[in-house]
Amino acid sequence: MRNIQALLLASGLCVLTAACATIGTPFDFSGPGDIVAGKTSKSDLIAEFGQPDRVGYDNGAEKWAYAYYHYSVFGNPKVKDLDVVFDKNGLVASYTYESSDLGEVEQQLPPATPTATP
């Protein structure tokens, strides 16, 4: 009987441990002022966000990606992606930022408008 209880306890701990997963390093993106196309350099990005999680190319231009993914069985997922494309001088040419953080999402959504009732 003790073996069954121990097995059930160990199984339960495994489920709880596997109930969340995190990939990447958390980073804060305060808004469009953090990165300025034609001005922000690679060293500026490293100072602000650290080393990128991935590097590659976008139509021949160097591209860096920062990513943070946190999933939990017990809460909403938190997903953040920052992709930065550089010009030939090593300055930001363009970037995209996306987040599923509910606080950030709610800040970006327009206020709800009441619907008219007939």
C-alpha atoms as a PDB file:
ATOM      1  CA  MET A   1       0.000   0.000   0.000  1.00  0.00           C
ATOM      2  CA  ARG A   2       2.852   2.379   0.813  1.00  0.00           C
ATOM      3  CA  ASN A   3       4.371   1.781  -2.622  1.00  0.00           C
ATOM      4  CA  ILE A   4       1.133   2.831  -4.305  1.00  0.00           C
ATOM      5  CA  GLN A   5       0.911   5.977  -2.177  1.00  0.00           C
ATOM      6  CA  ALA A   6       4.533   6.845  -2.947  1.00  0.00           C
ATOM      7  CA  LEU A   7       3.931   6.274  -6.653  1.00  0.00           C
ATOM      8  CA  LEU A   8       0.829   8.485  -6.603  1.00  0.00           C
ATOM      9  CA  LEU A   9       2.687  11.223  -4.727  1.00  0.00           C
ATOM     10  CA  ALA A  10       5.627  11.071  -7.143  1.00  0.00           C
ATOM     11  CA  SER A  11       3.245  11.159 -10.125  1.00  0.00           C
ATOM     12  CA  GLY A  12       1.438  14.162  -8.695  1.00  0.00           C
ATOM     13  CA  LEU A  13       4.712  16.027  -8.174  1.00  0.00           C
ATOM     14  CA  CYS A  14       5.750  15.290 -11.751  1.00  0.00           C
ATOM     15  CA  VAL A  15       2.475  16.692 -13.076  1.00  0.00           C
ATOM     16  CA  LEU A  16       2.830  19.873 -11.006  1.00  0.00           C
ATOM     17  CA  THR A  17       6.459  20.313 -12.079  1.00  0.00           C
ATOM     18  CA  ALA A  18       5.539  19.876 -15.722  1.00  0.00           C
ATOM     19  CA  ALA A  19       2.567  22.237 -15.401  1.00  0.00           C
ATOM     20  CA  CYS A  20       4.583  25.225 -16.583  1.00  0.00           C
ATOM     21  CA  ALA A  21       7.302  25.888 -19.111  1.00  0.00           C
ATOM     22  CA  THR A  22       9.435  28.942 -19.794  1.00  0.00           C
ATOM     23  CA  ILE A  23      11.551  29.643 -22.846  1.00  0.00           C
ATOM     24  CA  GLY A  24      13.755  32.715 -23.229  1.00  0.00           C
ATOM     25  CA  THR A  25      14.601  35.506 -20.829  1.00  0.00           C
ATOM     26  CA  PRO A  26      12.045  38.058 -19.624  1.00  0.00           C
ATOM     27  CA  PHE A  27      12.537  41.525 -21.090  1.00  0.00           C
ATOM     28  CA  ASP A  28      10.734  44.834 -20.764  1.00  0.00           C
ATOM     29  CA  PHE A  29       9.647  46.790 -23.816  1.00  0.00           C
ATOM     30  CA  SER A  30       8.273  50.138 -22.665  1.00  0.00           C
ATOM     31  CA  GLY A  31       7.001  51.278 -26.033  1.00  0.00           C
ATOM     32  CA  PRO A  32       8.003  52.663 -29.403  1.00  0.00           C
ATOM     33  CA  GLY A  33      10.461  55.108 -27.801  1.00  0.00           C
ATOM     34  CA  ASP A  34      12.707  52.198 -26.775  1.00  0.00           C
ATOM     35  CA  ILE A  35      13.843  51.641 -30.366  1.00  0.00           C
ATOM     36  CA  VAL A  36      14.240  54.296 -33.061  1.00  0.00           C
ATOM     37  CA  ALA A  37      14.763  53.242 -36.687  1.00  0.00           C
ATOM     38  CA  GLY A  38      17.937  54.763 -38.136  1.00  0.00           C
ATOM     39  CA  LYS A  39      19.282  55.638 -34.674  1.00  0.00           C
ATOM     40  CA  THR A  40      19.254  52.624 -32.329  1.00  0.00           C
ATOM     41  CA  SER A  41      22.387  50.475 -32.717  1.00  0.00           C
ATOM     42  CA  LYS A  42      23.162  46.852 -31.940  1.00  0.00           C
ATOM     43  CA  SER A  43      25.087  47.884 -28.824  1.00  0.00           C
ATOM     44  CA  ASP A  44      22.074  49.960 -27.687  1.00  0.00           C
ATOM     45  CA  LEU A  45      19.865  46.868 -27.990  1.00  0.00           C
ATOM     46  CA  ILE A  46      22.333  44.704 -26.081  1.00  0.00           C
ATOM     47  CA  ALA A  47      22.500  47.311 -23.314  1.00  0.00           C
ATOM     48  CA  GLU A  48      18.681  47.479 -23.140  1.00  0.00           C
ATOM     49  CA  PHE A  49      17.640  43.851 -23.736  1.00  0.00           C
ATOM     50  CA  GLY A  50      20.802  41.716 -23.491  1.00  0.00           C
ATOM     51  CA  GLN A  51      22.007  39.253 -26.104  1.00  0.00           C
ATOM     52  CA  PRO A  52      19.373  38.178 -28.650  1.00  0.00           C
ATOM     53  CA  ASP A  53      17.836  34.717 -28.401  1.00  0.00           C
ATOM     54  CA  ARG A  54      18.091  34.129 -32.147  1.00  0.00           C
ATOM     55  CA  VAL A  55      19.917  35.732 -35.059  1.00  0.00           C
ATOM     56  CA  GLY A  56      19.256  35.343 -38.766  1.00  0.00           C
ATOM     57  CA  TYR A  57      18.423  37.211 -41.945  1.00  0.00           C
ATOM     58  CA  ASP A  58      15.327  38.848 -43.387  1.00  0.00           C
ATOM     59  CA  ASN A  59      15.653  39.343 -47.160  1.00  0.00           C
ATOM     60  CA  GLY A  60      19.435  39.531 -46.741  1.00  0.00           C
ATOM     61  CA  ALA A  61      19.350  42.003 -43.834  1.00  0.00           C
ATOM     62  CA  GLU A  62      20.593  40.888 -40.431  1.00  0.00           C
ATOM     63  CA  LYS A  63      17.778  40.154 -37.972  1.00  0.00           C
ATOM     64  CA  TRP A  64      17.791  39.645 -34.216  1.00  0.00           C
ATOM     65  CA  ALA A  65      14.977  38.102 -32.215  1.00  0.00           C
ATOM     66  CA  TYR A  66      14.183  38.368 -28.528  1.00  0.00           C
ATOM     67  CA  ALA A  67      11.570  35.972 -27.202  1.00  0.00           C
ATOM     68  CA  TYR A  68       9.976  35.111 -23.903  1.00  0.00           C
ATOM     69  CA  TYR A  69       7.338  32.387 -23.619  1.00  0.00           C
ATOM     70  CA  HIS A  70       5.849  31.342 -20.297  1.00  0.00           C
ATOM     71  CA  TYR A  71       3.063  28.783 -20.265  1.00  0.00           C
ATOM     72  CA  SER A  72       1.264  27.527 -17.190  1.00  0.00           C
ATOM     73  CA  VAL A  73      -1.616  25.175 -16.652  1.00  0.00           C
ATOM     74  CA  PHE A  74      -2.737  27.437 -13.815  1.00  0.00           C
ATOM     75  CA  GLY A  75      -2.767  30.813 -15.587  1.00  0.00           C
ATOM     76  CA  ASN A  76      -2.733  32.730 -18.828  1.00  0.00           C
ATOM     77  CA  PRO A  77       0.298  32.309 -21.075  1.00  0.00           C
ATOM     78  CA  LYS A  78       2.704  35.222 -21.362  1.00  0.00           C
ATOM     79  CA  VAL A  79       4.294  35.537 -24.788  1.00  0.00           C
ATOM     80  CA  LYS A  80       6.580  38.364 -25.953  1.00  0.00           C
ATOM     81  CA  ASP A  81       8.401  38.639 -29.281  1.00  0.00           C
ATOM     82  CA  LEU A  82      10.720  41.422 -30.424  1.00  0.00           C
ATOM     83  CA  ASP A  83      12.164  41.095 -33.932  1.00  0.00           C
ATOM     84  CA  VAL A  84      14.695  43.683 -35.104  1.00  0.00           C
ATOM     85  CA  VAL A  85      16.032  44.101 -38.661  1.00  0.00           C
ATOM     86  CA  PHE A  86      19.238  46.097 -39.193  1.00  0.00           C
ATOM     87  CA  ASP A  87      20.395  48.259 -42.085  1.00  0.00           C
ATOM     88  CA  LYS A  88      23.858  47.899 -43.654  1.00  0.00           C
ATOM     89  CA  ASN A  89      25.289  50.332 -41.051  1.00  0.00           C
ATOM     90  CA  GLY A  90      24.173  48.177 -38.118  1.00  0.00           C
ATOM     91  CA  LEU A  91      21.339  50.496 -37.128  1.00  0.00           C
ATOM     92  CA  VAL A  92      17.739  49.421 -36.685  1.00  0.00           C
ATOM     93  CA  ALA A  93      15.886  49.523 -40.000  1.00  0.00           C
ATOM     94  CA  SER A  94      12.610  48.171 -38.599  1.00  0.00           C
ATOM     95  CA  TYR A  95      11.220  46.143 -35.736  1.00  0.00           C
ATOM     96  CA  THR A  96       8.072  44.402 -34.577  1.00  0.00           C
ATOM     97  CA  TYR A  97       6.943  43.768 -31.030  1.00  0.00           C
ATOM     98  CA  GLU A  98       4.086  41.522 -29.954  1.00  0.00           C
ATOM     99  CA  SER A  99       2.837  40.592 -26.512  1.00  0.00           C
ATOM    100  CA  SER A 100       0.082  38.514 -24.968  1.00  0.00           C
ATOM    101  CA  ASP A 101       0.649  40.121 -21.550  1.00  0.00           C
ATOM    102  CA  LEU A 102      -2.879  41.111 -20.531  1.00  0.00           C
ATOM    103  CA  GLY A 103      -1.720  44.426 -19.051  1.00  0.00           C
ATOM    104  CA  GLU A 104       0.004  45.414 -22.292  1.00  0.00           C
ATOM    105  CA  VAL A 105      -2.869  44.177 -24.447  1.00  0.00           C
ATOM    106  CA  GLU A 106      -5.446  46.139 -22.450  1.00  0.00           C
ATOM    107  CA  GLN A 107      -3.359  49.324 -22.809  1.00  0.00           C
ATOM    108  CA  GLN A 108      -3.424  48.978 -26.600  1.00  0.00           C
ATOM    109  CA  LEU A 109      -7.091  48.127 -27.068  1.00  0.00           C
ATOM    110  CA  PRO A 110      -9.542  50.957 -27.734  1.00  0.00           C
ATOM    111  CA  PRO A 111     -12.125  51.572 -25.013  1.00  0.00           C
ATOM    112  CA  ALA A 112     -15.240  49.486 -25.334  1.00  0.00           C
ATOM    113  CA  THR A 113     -18.202  51.379 -26.733  1.00  0.00           C
ATOM    114  CA  PRO A 114     -21.663  50.517 -25.497  1.00  0.00           C
ATOM    115  CA  THR A 115     -23.898  48.937 -28.087  1.00  0.00           C
ATOM    116  CA  ALA A 116     -27.182  50.625 -28.862  1.00  0.00           C
ATOM    117  CA  THR A 117     -30.287  48.737 -27.906  1.00  0.00           C
ATOM    118  CA  PRO A 118     -33.402  49.053 -30.077  1.00  0.00           C
END
